[in-house]
N, C-alpha and C. Protein backbone atom coordinates (compact mmCIF):
# COMPACT_ATOMS: atom_id res chain seq x y z
N VAL A 1 0.82 -1.30 0.08
CA VAL A 1 0.12 -0.09 0.15
C VAL A 1 0.85 1.29 -0.06
N ARG A 2 1.88 1.25 0.87
CA ARG A 2 2.83 2.44 0.92
C ARG A 2 3.39 2.94 -0.72
N ASP A 3 3.70 1.74 -1.28
CA ASP A 3 4.01 1.97 -2.87
C ASP A 3 3.12 2.37 -3.57
N TYR A 4 2.07 1.82 -3.24
CA TYR A 4 0.87 1.90 -4.44
C TYR A 4 0.41 3.44 -4.07
N TYR A 5 0.18 4.01 -2.77
CA TYR A 5 -0.33 5.31 -2.64
C TYR A 5 0.70 6.34 -3.18
N ASP A 6 2.07 6.13 -2.81
CA ASP A 6 3.10 7.10 -3.06
C ASP A 6 2.79 8.36 -2.67
N LEU A 7 2.59 8.53 -1.47
CA LEU A 7 2.10 9.64 -0.56
C LEU A 7 3.38 10.38 -0.01
N GLU A 8 4.26 9.73 0.33
CA GLU A 8 5.31 10.17 1.23
C GLU A 8 6.35 10.93 0.37
N ASP A 9 6.41 10.93 -0.82
CA ASP A 9 7.28 11.80 -1.50
C ASP A 9 6.73 13.21 -1.81
N HIS A 10 5.37 13.11 -1.72
CA HIS A 10 4.77 14.53 -2.10
C HIS A 10 4.38 15.34 -0.90
N ALA A 11 4.70 14.77 0.36
CA ALA A 11 4.67 15.88 1.59
C ALA A 11 5.39 17.06 1.66
N LEU A 12 4.83 18.14 1.78
CA LEU A 12 5.31 19.35 1.74
C LEU A 12 5.96 20.04 3.09
N ARG A 13 5.72 19.05 3.81
CA ARG A 13 6.29 19.31 5.27
C ARG A 13 6.56 18.14 6.16
N PRO A 14 6.98 18.19 7.12
CA PRO A 14 7.41 16.82 7.92
C PRO A 14 6.06 16.00 8.38
N THR A 15 5.75 14.85 8.00
CA THR A 15 4.56 14.08 8.10
C THR A 15 4.78 13.02 8.53
N VAL A 16 3.88 12.40 9.56
CA VAL A 16 3.72 11.19 9.82
C VAL A 16 2.94 10.22 9.34
N PHE A 17 3.08 9.06 8.79
CA PHE A 17 2.22 8.21 7.74
C PHE A 17 2.14 6.80 8.63
N VAL A 18 0.66 6.56 9.03
CA VAL A 18 0.53 5.21 9.48
C VAL A 18 -0.28 4.56 8.41
N TYR A 19 0.06 3.19 8.35
CA TYR A 19 -0.64 2.40 7.34
C TYR A 19 -1.25 1.00 8.03
N PRO A 20 -2.35 1.31 8.60
CA PRO A 20 -2.97 0.07 9.21
C PRO A 20 -3.72 -0.78 8.02
N SER A 21 -4.11 -2.05 8.55
CA SER A 21 -4.74 -2.89 7.53
C SER A 21 -5.94 -3.71 8.36
N GLY A 22 -7.12 -3.77 7.46
CA GLY A 22 -8.17 -4.47 8.26
C GLY A 22 -7.51 -5.99 8.32
N LEU A 23 -8.43 -6.46 9.41
CA LEU A 23 -7.94 -8.07 9.55
C LEU A 23 -8.51 -9.01 8.75
N PRO A 24 -7.91 -10.11 8.82
CA PRO A 24 -8.24 -11.24 7.87
C PRO A 24 -9.59 -11.84 8.18
N THR A 25 -10.55 -12.16 7.33
CA THR A 25 -11.52 -12.64 7.82
C THR A 25 -11.73 -13.99 7.98
N GLY A 26 -10.71 -14.87 7.25
CA GLY A 26 -10.59 -16.22 7.35
C GLY A 26 -11.32 -16.82 5.70
N GLU A 27 -11.72 -15.97 5.16
CA GLU A 27 -12.02 -16.61 3.79
C GLU A 27 -11.18 -16.15 2.92
N GLY A 28 -10.02 -15.30 3.26
CA GLY A 28 -9.09 -14.86 2.29
C GLY A 28 -9.39 -13.26 1.89
N GLY A 29 -10.49 -12.77 2.54
CA GLY A 29 -10.59 -11.43 2.50
C GLY A 29 -10.07 -10.75 3.54
N ARG A 30 -10.48 -9.10 3.83
CA ARG A 30 -10.05 -8.46 5.11
C ARG A 30 -11.61 -7.77 5.52
N SER A 31 -11.43 -7.20 6.57
CA SER A 31 -12.63 -6.49 7.07
C SER A 31 -11.99 -5.31 8.19
N TRP A 32 -12.89 -4.49 8.36
CA TRP A 32 -12.64 -3.23 9.26
C TRP A 32 -13.66 -3.71 10.41
N SER A 33 -14.64 -4.60 10.28
CA SER A 33 -15.68 -4.45 11.34
C SER A 33 -15.65 -6.15 11.76
N ASP A 34 -16.34 -6.55 12.86
CA ASP A 34 -16.83 -7.76 13.23
C ASP A 34 -18.02 -7.98 12.80
N LEU A 35 -18.45 -9.44 12.47
CA LEU A 35 -19.72 -9.76 12.17
C LEU A 35 -20.69 -9.18 13.01
N GLY A 36 -21.75 -8.49 12.41
CA GLY A 36 -22.63 -8.04 13.22
C GLY A 36 -22.52 -6.86 14.02
N ASN A 37 -21.29 -6.19 13.52
CA ASN A 37 -21.00 -4.68 13.81
C ASN A 37 -22.33 -3.83 13.43
N ALA A 38 -22.72 -2.83 14.13
CA ALA A 38 -23.78 -1.71 13.57
C ALA A 38 -22.60 -0.66 12.91
N ALA A 39 -22.82 0.07 11.88
CA ALA A 39 -22.01 0.84 11.18
C ALA A 39 -21.48 1.72 12.26
N SER A 40 -22.04 2.16 13.47
CA SER A 40 -21.67 3.21 14.24
C SER A 40 -20.61 2.44 15.34
N GLU A 41 -20.31 1.19 15.21
CA GLU A 41 -19.48 0.35 15.84
C GLU A 41 -18.48 -0.31 15.38
N LEU A 42 -18.01 0.21 14.14
CA LEU A 42 -17.14 -0.62 13.51
C LEU A 42 -15.84 -0.89 14.43
N ARG A 43 -15.24 -2.00 14.34
CA ARG A 43 -14.37 -2.47 15.40
C ARG A 43 -13.03 -1.43 15.49
N ASP A 44 -12.71 -1.25 13.88
CA ASP A 44 -11.45 -0.26 13.67
C ASP A 44 -11.46 1.13 14.00
N TYR A 45 -12.71 1.67 14.50
CA TYR A 45 -12.72 3.13 14.84
C TYR A 45 -12.08 3.09 16.26
N ALA A 46 -12.13 2.31 16.80
CA ALA A 46 -11.18 2.06 18.12
C ALA A 46 -9.82 1.98 17.79
N LEU A 47 -9.52 1.27 16.82
CA LEU A 47 -8.07 1.32 16.15
C LEU A 47 -7.67 2.58 15.96
N PHE A 48 -8.41 3.25 15.07
CA PHE A 48 -8.21 4.74 14.77
C PHE A 48 -7.96 5.65 15.90
N ASP A 49 -8.69 5.53 16.97
CA ASP A 49 -8.52 6.37 18.09
C ASP A 49 -7.17 6.06 18.77
N ALA A 50 -7.05 4.83 18.65
CA ALA A 50 -5.83 4.54 19.43
C ALA A 50 -4.44 4.95 18.71
N ILE A 51 -4.64 4.89 17.43
CA ILE A 51 -3.60 5.36 16.47
C ILE A 51 -3.29 6.73 16.76
N VAL A 52 -4.32 7.42 16.78
CA VAL A 52 -4.31 8.96 16.88
C VAL A 52 -3.61 9.28 18.43
N ALA A 53 -4.30 8.72 19.36
CA ALA A 53 -3.40 9.00 20.66
C ALA A 53 -2.15 8.70 20.75
N ARG A 54 -1.70 7.71 20.30
CA ARG A 54 -0.30 7.05 20.25
C ARG A 54 0.42 8.17 19.56
N VAL A 55 0.23 8.28 18.19
CA VAL A 55 0.84 9.21 17.34
C VAL A 55 1.01 10.74 18.28
N GLU A 56 0.18 11.22 18.90
CA GLU A 56 0.09 12.45 19.48
C GLU A 56 0.78 11.97 20.58
N ARG A 57 0.99 11.29 21.27
CA ARG A 57 2.11 10.90 22.51
C ARG A 57 3.48 10.95 22.06
N GLU A 58 3.72 10.45 20.72
CA GLU A 58 5.05 10.29 20.34
C GLU A 58 5.53 11.47 19.42
N TYR A 59 4.44 12.30 18.90
CA TYR A 59 5.18 13.38 18.12
C TYR A 59 4.13 14.43 18.06
N CYS A 60 4.79 15.70 17.75
CA CYS A 60 4.13 17.00 17.82
C CYS A 60 3.12 16.70 16.75
N ILE A 61 1.89 16.78 16.80
CA ILE A 61 0.99 16.56 15.72
C ILE A 61 0.02 17.96 15.79
N ASP A 62 -0.32 18.26 14.59
CA ASP A 62 -1.21 19.46 14.20
C ASP A 62 -2.58 18.48 14.31
N ARG A 63 -3.26 18.95 15.32
CA ARG A 63 -4.65 18.42 15.12
C ARG A 63 -5.55 18.85 14.07
N GLY A 64 -5.38 19.86 13.36
CA GLY A 64 -6.03 20.21 12.28
C GLY A 64 -5.44 19.73 10.95
N ARG A 65 -4.64 18.91 11.04
CA ARG A 65 -3.98 18.34 9.64
C ARG A 65 -4.07 16.85 9.72
N ILE A 66 -5.09 16.05 10.44
CA ILE A 66 -5.23 14.86 10.52
C ILE A 66 -5.76 14.14 9.21
N PHE A 67 -5.36 13.41 8.28
CA PHE A 67 -5.87 13.01 7.10
C PHE A 67 -6.15 11.27 7.08
N ALA A 68 -7.25 10.91 6.40
CA ALA A 68 -7.09 9.52 5.97
C ALA A 68 -7.53 9.14 4.65
N VAL A 69 -6.87 8.17 4.02
CA VAL A 69 -6.85 7.85 2.52
C VAL A 69 -6.99 6.29 2.52
N GLY A 70 -7.65 5.93 1.52
CA GLY A 70 -7.95 4.41 1.20
C GLY A 70 -8.39 4.17 -0.11
N HIS A 71 -8.22 3.03 -0.61
CA HIS A 71 -8.67 2.58 -1.74
C HIS A 71 -9.38 1.13 -1.55
N SER A 72 -10.80 1.14 -2.21
CA SER A 72 -11.80 0.08 -2.23
C SER A 72 -11.93 -0.30 -0.83
N LEU A 73 -11.71 -1.45 0.06
CA LEU A 73 -12.18 -1.63 1.24
C LEU A 73 -11.70 -0.61 2.06
N GLY A 74 -10.45 0.01 2.08
CA GLY A 74 -9.90 1.14 2.67
C GLY A 74 -10.42 2.09 2.66
N ALA A 75 -11.10 2.51 1.24
CA ALA A 75 -11.79 3.84 0.79
C ALA A 75 -13.08 3.76 1.73
N TRP A 76 -13.76 2.48 1.66
CA TRP A 76 -14.88 2.23 2.42
C TRP A 76 -14.80 2.48 4.06
N PHE A 77 -13.74 2.32 4.78
CA PHE A 77 -13.60 2.66 6.04
C PHE A 77 -13.04 3.77 6.13
N VAL A 78 -12.32 4.62 5.10
CA VAL A 78 -12.09 5.91 5.43
C VAL A 78 -13.35 6.78 5.12
N ASN A 79 -14.07 6.60 4.28
CA ASN A 79 -15.29 7.26 4.16
C ASN A 79 -16.23 7.20 5.42
N SER A 80 -16.25 5.87 6.01
CA SER A 80 -17.14 5.68 7.08
C SER A 80 -16.54 6.41 8.35
N LEU A 81 -15.17 6.60 8.28
CA LEU A 81 -14.43 6.98 9.49
C LEU A 81 -14.57 8.59 9.18
N GLY A 82 -14.59 8.99 8.37
CA GLY A 82 -14.99 10.57 8.18
C GLY A 82 -16.12 10.94 8.60
N CYS A 83 -17.23 10.14 8.50
CA CYS A 83 -18.53 10.40 9.13
C CYS A 83 -18.44 10.25 10.58
N ALA A 84 -17.79 9.16 11.03
CA ALA A 84 -17.68 8.83 12.58
C ALA A 84 -16.67 9.79 13.21
N ARG A 85 -15.91 10.24 12.52
CA ARG A 85 -14.60 11.04 13.28
C ARG A 85 -14.26 12.17 12.50
N GLY A 86 -15.47 12.97 12.32
CA GLY A 86 -15.47 14.08 11.27
C GLY A 86 -14.88 15.27 12.21
N GLU A 87 -14.96 15.02 13.83
CA GLU A 87 -14.32 16.15 14.49
C GLU A 87 -13.01 15.84 14.87
N VAL A 88 -12.49 14.73 14.34
CA VAL A 88 -10.85 14.56 14.45
C VAL A 88 -10.37 14.75 13.01
N LEU A 89 -10.84 14.29 12.14
CA LEU A 89 -10.06 14.36 10.72
C LEU A 89 -10.38 15.66 10.04
N ARG A 90 -9.39 16.15 9.44
CA ARG A 90 -9.54 17.47 8.65
C ARG A 90 -9.91 17.06 7.24
N GLY A 91 -9.69 15.79 6.75
CA GLY A 91 -9.96 15.54 5.42
C GLY A 91 -9.79 14.09 5.24
N THR A 92 -10.52 13.52 4.13
CA THR A 92 -10.28 12.04 3.58
C THR A 92 -10.12 12.31 2.23
N GLY A 93 -9.39 11.14 1.67
CA GLY A 93 -9.33 10.83 0.30
C GLY A 93 -9.88 9.27 -0.20
N ALA A 94 -10.74 9.04 -1.18
CA ALA A 94 -11.01 7.77 -1.25
C ALA A 94 -11.03 7.32 -2.71
N VAL A 95 -10.71 6.26 -3.00
CA VAL A 95 -10.75 5.75 -4.24
C VAL A 95 -11.53 4.58 -4.31
N ALA A 96 -12.66 4.55 -5.08
CA ALA A 96 -13.65 3.32 -5.32
C ALA A 96 -14.15 2.81 -4.03
N GLY A 97 -14.79 3.75 -3.28
CA GLY A 97 -15.14 3.32 -1.68
C GLY A 97 -16.78 3.55 -1.77
N GLY A 98 -17.49 2.83 -0.76
CA GLY A 98 -18.78 3.25 -0.34
C GLY A 98 -18.91 3.69 0.97
N ILE A 99 -19.71 3.86 1.84
CA ILE A 99 -19.88 4.01 2.99
C ILE A 99 -20.94 3.41 4.01
N SER A 100 -20.33 3.19 5.09
CA SER A 100 -21.27 2.69 6.28
C SER A 100 -21.73 3.88 7.13
N PRO A 101 -22.62 4.71 6.91
CA PRO A 101 -22.87 5.82 7.53
C PRO A 101 -23.29 5.61 8.75
N SER A 102 -22.60 6.22 9.83
CA SER A 102 -23.52 6.31 11.15
C SER A 102 -23.80 7.73 11.45
N GLU A 103 -23.90 7.98 12.82
CA GLU A 103 -24.16 9.26 13.07
C GLU A 103 -22.84 10.12 12.65
N CYS A 104 -22.98 11.25 11.95
CA CYS A 104 -21.79 11.90 11.54
C CYS A 104 -21.55 13.07 12.62
N THR A 105 -20.02 13.18 12.96
CA THR A 105 -19.81 13.94 14.05
C THR A 105 -19.32 15.35 13.49
N GLY A 106 -19.30 15.68 12.27
CA GLY A 106 -18.86 17.07 11.84
C GLY A 106 -18.53 16.69 10.23
N PRO A 107 -18.41 18.06 9.69
CA PRO A 107 -17.93 18.17 8.25
C PRO A 107 -16.65 17.67 8.21
N VAL A 108 -16.12 17.17 7.04
CA VAL A 108 -14.86 17.04 6.68
C VAL A 108 -14.58 17.24 5.07
N ALA A 109 -13.38 17.87 5.02
CA ALA A 109 -12.98 17.75 3.34
C ALA A 109 -12.86 16.50 2.91
N ALA A 110 -13.00 16.29 1.53
CA ALA A 110 -12.82 15.06 0.98
C ALA A 110 -12.62 15.12 -0.58
N VAL A 111 -11.76 14.40 -0.98
CA VAL A 111 -11.60 13.83 -2.36
C VAL A 111 -11.97 12.49 -2.65
N ILE A 112 -12.83 12.35 -3.71
CA ILE A 112 -13.58 10.95 -4.17
C ILE A 112 -13.23 10.80 -5.43
N VAL A 113 -12.55 9.64 -5.72
CA VAL A 113 -12.22 9.20 -7.04
C VAL A 113 -12.77 7.96 -7.03
N HIS A 114 -13.80 7.80 -8.34
CA HIS A 114 -14.36 6.54 -8.71
C HIS A 114 -14.62 6.45 -9.98
N ASN A 115 -14.52 5.44 -10.78
CA ASN A 115 -14.79 4.88 -11.91
C ASN A 115 -16.17 4.50 -12.30
N PRO A 116 -16.89 4.89 -13.31
CA PRO A 116 -18.24 4.50 -13.39
C PRO A 116 -18.35 3.31 -13.88
N LYS A 117 -17.03 2.53 -14.26
CA LYS A 117 -17.12 1.26 -14.80
C LYS A 117 -16.54 0.30 -13.77
N ASP A 118 -16.42 0.80 -12.77
CA ASP A 118 -15.74 -0.05 -11.62
C ASP A 118 -16.56 -1.39 -11.36
N ARG A 119 -16.12 -2.32 -11.51
CA ARG A 119 -16.97 -3.96 -11.43
C ARG A 119 -17.09 -4.44 -9.66
N LEU A 120 -16.27 -3.67 -9.04
CA LEU A 120 -15.94 -4.13 -7.74
C LEU A 120 -17.03 -3.17 -6.82
N VAL A 121 -16.60 -2.05 -6.75
CA VAL A 121 -17.42 -1.17 -6.06
C VAL A 121 -18.56 -0.28 -6.90
N ASP A 122 -19.74 -0.76 -6.73
CA ASP A 122 -20.55 -0.02 -7.65
C ASP A 122 -20.56 1.53 -7.54
N PHE A 123 -20.70 2.23 -8.99
CA PHE A 123 -20.36 3.62 -8.91
C PHE A 123 -21.59 4.36 -8.04
N SER A 124 -22.62 3.94 -8.00
CA SER A 124 -23.61 4.58 -7.27
C SER A 124 -23.33 4.37 -5.72
N ARG A 125 -22.26 3.99 -5.28
CA ARG A 125 -22.03 3.84 -3.85
C ARG A 125 -21.12 4.98 -3.88
N GLY A 126 -20.20 5.56 -4.70
CA GLY A 126 -19.31 6.58 -4.70
C GLY A 126 -20.44 7.79 -5.00
N GLU A 127 -21.47 8.05 -5.46
CA GLU A 127 -22.29 9.18 -5.65
C GLU A 127 -23.08 9.07 -4.20
N GLU A 128 -23.50 7.83 -3.47
CA GLU A 128 -23.83 8.14 -2.53
C GLU A 128 -23.00 8.88 -1.08
N VAL A 129 -21.63 8.53 -1.18
CA VAL A 129 -20.63 9.04 -0.32
C VAL A 129 -20.58 10.62 -0.92
N ARG A 130 -20.47 10.94 -2.01
CA ARG A 130 -20.42 12.49 -2.28
C ARG A 130 -21.69 13.23 -1.96
N ASP A 131 -22.88 12.52 -1.87
CA ASP A 131 -24.09 13.38 -1.80
C ASP A 131 -24.51 13.40 -0.25
N LEU A 132 -23.90 12.66 0.56
CA LEU A 132 -23.71 12.54 1.95
C LEU A 132 -22.81 13.56 2.34
N LEU A 133 -21.61 13.74 1.82
CA LEU A 133 -20.81 14.71 2.26
C LEU A 133 -21.13 16.00 1.74
N LEU A 134 -21.82 16.28 0.75
CA LEU A 134 -22.08 17.51 0.32
C LEU A 134 -23.42 18.19 1.11
N ARG A 135 -24.29 17.37 1.74
CA ARG A 135 -25.09 17.65 2.64
C ARG A 135 -24.45 17.97 4.13
N ARG A 136 -23.53 17.29 4.51
CA ARG A 136 -22.77 17.48 5.79
C ARG A 136 -22.12 18.71 5.61
N ASN A 137 -21.36 18.98 4.82
CA ASN A 137 -20.70 20.20 4.48
C ASN A 137 -21.49 21.41 4.08
N GLY A 138 -23.02 21.33 3.92
CA GLY A 138 -23.51 22.42 3.49
C GLY A 138 -23.26 22.99 2.08
N LEU A 139 -23.09 21.95 1.25
CA LEU A 139 -22.80 22.36 -0.06
C LEU A 139 -23.93 22.14 -1.02
N ALA A 140 -24.34 22.66 -2.13
CA ALA A 140 -25.50 22.58 -2.84
C ALA A 140 -24.86 21.45 -3.94
N GLU A 141 -25.69 20.49 -4.03
CA GLU A 141 -25.59 19.59 -5.23
C GLU A 141 -25.10 19.91 -6.45
N ASP A 142 -25.88 21.20 -6.97
CA ASP A 142 -25.59 21.64 -8.05
C ASP A 142 -24.47 22.65 -8.46
N SER A 143 -23.64 22.85 -7.31
CA SER A 143 -22.86 24.07 -7.27
C SER A 143 -21.22 23.45 -7.73
N GLY A 144 -21.07 22.43 -8.30
CA GLY A 144 -19.64 21.62 -8.62
C GLY A 144 -19.23 22.55 -9.74
N GLN A 145 -17.76 22.70 -9.91
CA GLN A 145 -17.22 23.46 -10.96
C GLN A 145 -16.08 22.65 -11.17
N PRO A 146 -15.66 22.58 -12.59
CA PRO A 146 -14.49 21.69 -12.92
C PRO A 146 -13.14 22.28 -12.17
N GLU A 147 -12.45 21.41 -11.60
CA GLU A 147 -11.05 21.72 -11.00
C GLU A 147 -10.13 22.00 -11.82
N ALA A 148 -9.45 23.00 -11.97
CA ALA A 148 -8.02 23.35 -12.85
C ALA A 148 -7.12 22.28 -12.61
N GLY A 149 -6.49 21.60 -13.13
CA GLY A 149 -5.41 20.65 -12.90
C GLY A 149 -6.04 19.14 -13.08
N ALA A 150 -7.13 19.14 -12.72
CA ALA A 150 -7.82 17.85 -12.69
C ALA A 150 -8.73 17.47 -13.69
N GLU A 151 -8.45 18.09 -14.56
CA GLU A 151 -9.57 17.78 -15.70
C GLU A 151 -9.44 16.07 -16.41
N HIS A 152 -8.25 15.63 -16.34
CA HIS A 152 -8.23 14.38 -16.80
C HIS A 152 -8.70 13.39 -15.95
N LEU A 153 -9.38 13.65 -14.59
CA LEU A 153 -10.20 13.00 -14.01
C LEU A 153 -11.76 13.28 -13.74
N ASN A 154 -11.99 14.37 -14.54
CA ASN A 154 -13.12 15.09 -14.64
C ASN A 154 -13.65 15.56 -13.36
N CYS A 155 -12.64 15.97 -12.58
CA CYS A 155 -12.98 16.49 -11.16
C CYS A 155 -13.92 17.61 -11.04
N LEU A 156 -14.89 17.68 -10.17
CA LEU A 156 -15.86 18.89 -9.90
C LEU A 156 -15.45 19.20 -8.27
N ARG A 157 -15.39 20.47 -8.32
CA ARG A 157 -15.16 21.04 -6.68
C ARG A 157 -16.25 21.62 -6.29
N TYR A 158 -16.90 21.30 -4.99
CA TYR A 158 -17.87 21.85 -4.58
C TYR A 158 -17.18 22.48 -3.21
N GLY A 159 -17.64 23.93 -3.12
CA GLY A 159 -17.08 24.67 -2.08
C GLY A 159 -15.92 25.37 -2.90
N GLY A 160 -15.85 26.65 -2.66
CA GLY A 160 -14.80 27.50 -3.31
C GLY A 160 -13.41 27.48 -2.44
N PRO A 161 -12.50 28.36 -2.88
CA PRO A 161 -11.10 28.27 -2.36
C PRO A 161 -11.19 28.54 -0.87
N ASP A 162 -12.06 29.12 -0.42
CA ASP A 162 -12.21 29.61 1.12
C ASP A 162 -12.91 28.63 1.81
N HIS A 163 -13.64 27.90 1.21
CA HIS A 163 -14.42 26.74 1.82
C HIS A 163 -13.47 25.86 2.75
N ARG A 164 -13.71 25.80 3.95
CA ARG A 164 -13.18 24.74 4.85
C ARG A 164 -13.31 23.32 4.58
N HIS A 165 -14.45 22.84 3.98
CA HIS A 165 -14.46 21.53 4.03
C HIS A 165 -15.38 21.26 2.59
N PRO A 166 -14.23 21.38 1.49
CA PRO A 166 -14.77 21.10 0.09
C PRO A 166 -14.80 19.97 -0.14
N VAL A 167 -15.61 19.50 -1.36
CA VAL A 167 -15.60 18.11 -1.57
C VAL A 167 -15.32 18.12 -3.03
N LEU A 168 -14.25 17.35 -3.51
CA LEU A 168 -13.71 17.22 -4.77
C LEU A 168 -14.02 15.78 -5.31
N TRP A 169 -15.12 15.56 -6.37
CA TRP A 169 -15.84 14.56 -6.97
C TRP A 169 -15.10 14.20 -8.16
N CYS A 170 -14.58 13.10 -8.58
CA CYS A 170 -13.71 12.72 -9.59
C CYS A 170 -14.16 11.37 -10.14
N PRO A 171 -15.20 11.50 -10.93
CA PRO A 171 -15.75 10.40 -11.62
C PRO A 171 -14.97 9.95 -13.00
N HIS A 172 -13.61 9.61 -12.72
CA HIS A 172 -12.62 9.39 -13.89
C HIS A 172 -13.01 8.22 -14.88
N THR A 173 -12.64 8.16 -15.96
CA THR A 173 -12.93 7.03 -16.78
C THR A 173 -11.52 6.49 -17.33
N HIS A 174 -10.29 6.47 -16.57
CA HIS A 174 -9.10 5.96 -16.89
C HIS A 174 -9.15 4.56 -16.52
N ASP A 175 -9.03 3.69 -17.51
CA ASP A 175 -9.09 2.29 -17.13
C ASP A 175 -7.35 1.83 -17.11
N ARG A 176 -7.07 0.92 -16.01
CA ARG A 176 -5.74 0.68 -15.94
C ARG A 176 -5.68 -0.63 -15.36
N THR A 177 -4.86 -1.40 -16.46
CA THR A 177 -4.63 -2.89 -16.06
C THR A 177 -3.11 -3.04 -15.27
N ARG A 178 -3.07 -3.99 -14.47
CA ARG A 178 -1.62 -4.13 -13.65
C ARG A 178 -1.01 -4.82 -14.50
N GLN A 179 0.28 -4.27 -14.61
CA GLN A 179 1.42 -4.73 -15.48
C GLN A 179 2.37 -5.58 -14.41
N GLY A 180 2.82 -6.64 -15.20
CA GLY A 180 4.00 -7.43 -14.17
C GLY A 180 3.51 -8.54 -13.74
């Protein structure tokens, strides 16, 4: 995941990166929850809380700059975490994920990237995340403007440059097959 995301080379200031992973399910998959968990009680919300507490004990952390990113299962968790821990997170970045919404605790800035042809996570799940975030962040559904520099991903930005919790929605159509 660390190589796949390639985030660290792009950090503009000293940054702490943490890479947790969902636990194995026993059927070859991974999960962020235990069977029967309600959306508001995902097991790994407690893991996130413990990670934040530990990192704060060991480093000088700017609480206004805590972000979470994920892809597919990780995006699903990050979107859900953004809802459940909006008072902690400054923003989220998700590629191809849905959401298990619970009671949201505050607005959160977000980048949502989803391909309409995704065969694993239906495109409507990404739209659901976008719409929930627009409502939470007080942004009108018809207010999206093309994002300069992100035309190749068809990105629309909701919330102007001074908006504290913008949403960047990128329904890209680039298909990529894994080489190697």
